């Protein structure tokens, strides 16, 4: 299937409009699908007490994935096992 190339990763959505109106930050747990073969680089992030991974895509987009970098590496390796 076409969608088999993507992996599902947890992210947070920020309500910027609410923050502009009230000054309070509102987040919502969500997810996105990324093509791991389009990843340019990834590194640990200080967000959420170091429990996040900053992922840079070849397109120039960046995604903050809400899993520890070790878990993200596991996700990538498991995905590669299925694809090979």
N, C-alpha and C. Protein backbone atom coordinates (compact mmCIF):
# COMPACT_ATOMS: atom_id res chain seq x y z
N UNK A 1 0.82 -1.20 0.00
CA UNK A 1 0.00 0.00 0.00
C UNK A 1 0.87 1.26 0.00
N UNK A 2 0.33 2.30 -0.53
CA UNK A 2 1.05 3.57 -0.57
C UNK A 2 1.33 4.11 0.84
N UNK A 3 0.37 3.99 1.73
CA UNK A 3 0.51 4.58 3.07
C UNK A 3 1.47 3.80 3.96
N UNK A 4 1.89 2.62 3.56
CA UNK A 4 2.82 1.82 4.36
C UNK A 4 4.17 2.51 4.53
N UNK A 5 4.48 3.45 3.67
CA UNK A 5 5.77 4.13 3.75
C UNK A 5 5.84 5.15 4.89
N UNK A 6 4.70 5.50 5.45
CA UNK A 6 4.65 6.52 6.51
C UNK A 6 4.65 5.91 7.90
N UNK A 7 5.16 6.66 8.87
CA UNK A 7 5.03 6.25 10.26
C UNK A 7 4.21 7.30 11.00
N UNK A 8 3.44 6.85 11.95
CA UNK A 8 2.58 7.70 12.75
C UNK A 8 3.36 8.15 13.99
N UNK A 9 3.48 9.46 14.19
CA UNK A 9 4.23 9.98 15.34
C UNK A 9 3.38 10.97 16.13
N UNK A 10 3.52 10.97 17.46
CA UNK A 10 2.73 11.90 18.28
C UNK A 10 3.31 13.32 18.25
N UNK A 11 2.42 14.29 18.12
CA UNK A 11 2.80 15.71 18.13
C UNK A 11 1.81 16.47 19.01
N UNK A 12 2.04 17.75 19.18
CA UNK A 12 1.10 18.63 19.87
C UNK A 12 0.73 19.76 18.92
N UNK A 13 -0.53 20.14 18.94
CA UNK A 13 -1.00 21.27 18.17
C UNK A 13 -1.18 22.45 19.13
N UNK A 14 -0.72 23.62 18.74
CA UNK A 14 -0.82 24.81 19.57
C UNK A 14 -1.89 25.73 19.00
N UNK A 15 -2.78 26.20 19.86
CA UNK A 15 -3.84 27.11 19.45
C UNK A 15 -3.32 28.54 19.57
N UNK A 16 -2.74 29.03 18.48
CA UNK A 16 -2.14 30.37 18.49
C UNK A 16 -3.18 31.46 18.62
N UNK A 17 -4.35 31.26 18.04
CA UNK A 17 -5.42 32.26 18.13
C UNK A 17 -5.84 32.45 19.59
N UNK A 18 -6.00 31.36 20.31
CA UNK A 18 -6.39 31.43 21.73
C UNK A 18 -5.31 32.14 22.54
N UNK A 19 -4.05 31.86 22.23
CA UNK A 19 -2.96 32.50 22.95
C UNK A 19 -2.94 34.01 22.69
N UNK A 20 -3.19 34.41 21.44
CA UNK A 20 -3.23 35.84 21.11
C UNK A 20 -4.36 36.54 21.86
N UNK A 21 -5.50 35.87 21.99
CA UNK A 21 -6.66 36.49 22.63
C UNK A 21 -6.55 36.52 24.15
N UNK A 22 -6.03 35.42 24.74
CA UNK A 22 -6.06 35.29 26.20
C UNK A 22 -4.68 35.33 26.84
N UNK A 23 -3.65 35.06 26.08
CA UNK A 23 -2.31 34.97 26.64
C UNK A 23 -1.99 33.59 27.19
N UNK A 24 -3.01 32.72 27.26
CA UNK A 24 -2.81 31.37 27.78
C UNK A 24 -2.48 30.42 26.63
N UNK A 25 -1.53 29.54 26.88
CA UNK A 25 -1.14 28.56 25.87
C UNK A 25 -2.01 27.33 25.98
N UNK A 26 -2.60 26.94 24.86
CA UNK A 26 -3.46 25.76 24.82
C UNK A 26 -2.87 24.79 23.80
N UNK A 27 -2.69 23.54 24.24
CA UNK A 27 -2.18 22.52 23.34
C UNK A 27 -3.17 21.36 23.27
N UNK A 28 -3.06 20.63 22.19
CA UNK A 28 -3.91 19.46 21.98
C UNK A 28 -3.03 18.33 21.47
N UNK A 29 -3.13 17.16 22.10
CA UNK A 29 -2.39 16.00 21.62
C UNK A 29 -2.94 15.59 20.26
N UNK A 30 -2.04 15.29 19.34
CA UNK A 30 -2.44 14.88 18.01
C UNK A 30 -1.36 13.96 17.45
N UNK A 31 -1.38 13.76 16.16
CA UNK A 31 -0.38 12.92 15.50
C UNK A 31 -0.23 13.38 14.06
N UNK A 32 0.85 12.96 13.45
CA UNK A 32 1.07 13.19 12.03
C UNK A 32 1.76 11.97 11.46
N UNK A 33 1.66 11.82 10.17
CA UNK A 33 2.35 10.75 9.47
C UNK A 33 3.52 11.36 8.72
N UNK A 34 4.70 10.77 8.88
CA UNK A 34 5.87 11.24 8.14
C UNK A 34 6.49 10.08 7.37
N UNK A 35 7.11 10.44 6.26
CA UNK A 35 7.84 9.46 5.46
C UNK A 35 9.26 9.42 6.00
N UNK A 36 9.67 8.35 6.66
CA UNK A 36 11.00 8.32 7.26
C UNK A 36 12.14 8.42 6.25
N UNK A 37 11.85 8.14 4.99
CA UNK A 37 12.88 8.24 3.96
C UNK A 37 13.09 9.68 3.51
N UNK A 38 12.26 10.59 4.03
CA UNK A 38 12.40 12.01 3.74
C UNK A 38 13.02 12.78 4.91
N UNK A 39 13.48 12.05 5.94
CA UNK A 39 14.12 12.69 7.09
C UNK A 39 15.54 13.08 6.71
N UNK A 40 15.88 14.33 7.01
CA UNK A 40 17.21 14.83 6.75
C UNK A 40 18.10 14.62 7.98
N UNK A 41 17.55 14.94 9.16
CA UNK A 41 18.29 14.80 10.41
C UNK A 41 17.30 14.76 11.57
N UNK A 42 17.75 14.22 12.71
CA UNK A 42 16.95 14.29 13.93
C UNK A 42 17.88 14.37 15.12
N UNK A 43 17.37 14.98 16.21
CA UNK A 43 18.19 15.19 17.40
C UNK A 43 17.29 15.28 18.62
N UNK A 44 17.87 15.10 19.80
CA UNK A 44 17.07 15.28 21.02
C UNK A 44 16.65 16.74 21.13
N UNK A 45 15.52 16.95 21.75
CA UNK A 45 15.01 18.30 21.99
C UNK A 45 14.86 18.52 23.48
N UNK A 46 15.00 19.76 23.92
CA UNK A 46 14.82 20.10 25.33
C UNK A 46 13.35 20.21 25.73
N UNK A 47 12.47 20.22 24.72
CA UNK A 47 11.03 20.30 25.01
C UNK A 47 10.59 19.14 25.88
N UNK A 48 9.62 19.41 26.73
CA UNK A 48 8.99 18.37 27.55
C UNK A 48 10.02 17.62 28.39
N UNK A 49 10.99 18.34 28.93
CA UNK A 49 12.00 17.72 29.78
C UNK A 49 12.94 16.79 29.05
N UNK A 50 13.18 17.05 27.77
CA UNK A 50 14.10 16.21 27.00
C UNK A 50 13.46 14.96 26.45
N UNK A 51 12.16 14.87 26.55
CA UNK A 51 11.45 13.67 26.10
C UNK A 51 10.92 13.78 24.68
N UNK A 52 11.46 14.70 23.90
CA UNK A 52 10.99 14.90 22.53
C UNK A 52 12.16 14.77 21.55
N UNK A 53 11.81 14.60 20.28
CA UNK A 53 12.79 14.50 19.22
C UNK A 53 12.47 15.53 18.15
N UNK A 54 13.46 16.34 17.81
CA UNK A 54 13.31 17.33 16.74
C UNK A 54 13.70 16.65 15.44
N UNK A 55 12.78 16.63 14.48
CA UNK A 55 13.00 15.95 13.20
C UNK A 55 12.99 16.99 12.09
N UNK A 56 14.08 17.04 11.32
CA UNK A 56 14.18 17.93 10.16
C UNK A 56 13.96 17.10 8.91
N UNK A 57 13.07 17.59 8.05
CA UNK A 57 12.76 16.89 6.82
C UNK A 57 13.55 17.49 5.66
N UNK A 58 13.74 16.73 4.60
CA UNK A 58 14.46 17.21 3.42
C UNK A 58 13.78 18.43 2.80
N UNK A 59 12.47 18.55 2.99
CA UNK A 59 11.71 19.68 2.44
C UNK A 59 12.00 20.98 3.18
N UNK A 60 12.65 20.88 4.34
CA UNK A 60 12.89 22.06 5.16
C UNK A 60 11.92 22.17 6.32
N UNK A 61 10.85 21.39 6.30
CA UNK A 61 9.90 21.37 7.42
C UNK A 61 10.57 20.74 8.63
N UNK A 62 10.08 21.10 9.80
CA UNK A 62 10.56 20.49 11.04
C UNK A 62 9.35 20.01 11.85
N UNK A 63 9.52 18.90 12.54
CA UNK A 63 8.46 18.32 13.34
C UNK A 63 9.03 18.02 14.72
N UNK A 64 8.29 18.40 15.76
CA UNK A 64 8.67 18.04 17.12
C UNK A 64 7.84 16.83 17.51
N UNK A 65 8.50 15.68 17.58
CA UNK A 65 7.84 14.42 17.88
C UNK A 65 7.91 14.19 19.39
N UNK A 66 6.78 13.90 19.99
CA UNK A 66 6.70 13.76 21.43
C UNK A 66 6.99 12.35 21.91
N UNK A 67 8.18 11.86 21.55
CA UNK A 67 8.76 10.63 22.09
C UNK A 67 10.26 10.88 22.28
N UNK A 68 10.84 10.20 23.25
CA UNK A 68 12.28 10.28 23.49
C UNK A 68 13.02 9.82 22.24
N UNK A 69 14.20 10.35 22.01
CA UNK A 69 14.95 10.02 20.80
C UNK A 69 15.21 8.51 20.69
N UNK A 70 15.44 7.83 21.80
CA UNK A 70 15.67 6.39 21.74
C UNK A 70 14.44 5.65 21.22
N UNK A 71 13.26 6.10 21.64
CA UNK A 71 12.01 5.50 21.15
C UNK A 71 11.81 5.82 19.67
N UNK A 72 12.17 7.03 19.26
CA UNK A 72 12.05 7.41 17.87
C UNK A 72 12.96 6.54 17.00
N UNK A 73 14.17 6.30 17.46
CA UNK A 73 15.10 5.43 16.73
C UNK A 73 14.51 4.02 16.59
N UNK A 74 13.90 3.52 17.66
CA UNK A 74 13.25 2.21 17.60
C UNK A 74 12.14 2.19 16.55
N UNK A 75 11.34 3.27 16.53
CA UNK A 75 10.25 3.36 15.56
C UNK A 75 10.81 3.29 14.13
N UNK A 76 11.88 4.04 13.88
CA UNK A 76 12.49 4.04 12.55
C UNK A 76 13.02 2.65 12.17
N UNK A 77 13.71 2.03 13.11
CA UNK A 77 14.29 0.70 12.84
C UNK A 77 13.21 -0.35 12.61
N UNK A 78 12.13 -0.29 13.38
CA UNK A 78 11.03 -1.24 13.20
C UNK A 78 10.38 -1.02 11.84
N UNK A 79 10.22 0.21 11.46
CA UNK A 79 9.62 0.53 10.16
C UNK A 79 10.52 0.01 9.02
N UNK A 80 11.82 0.18 9.18
CA UNK A 80 12.76 -0.28 8.15
C UNK A 80 12.73 -1.80 8.02
N UNK A 81 12.54 -2.52 9.13
CA UNK A 81 12.48 -3.98 9.07
C UNK A 81 11.31 -4.45 8.21
N UNK A 82 10.19 -3.77 8.34
CA UNK A 82 8.99 -4.13 7.59
C UNK A 82 9.16 -3.83 6.12
N UNK A 83 9.87 -2.73 5.81
CA UNK A 83 10.02 -2.27 4.42
C UNK A 83 11.07 -3.04 3.63
N UNK A 84 12.01 -3.67 4.33
CA UNK A 84 13.11 -4.34 3.62
C UNK A 84 12.74 -5.75 3.22
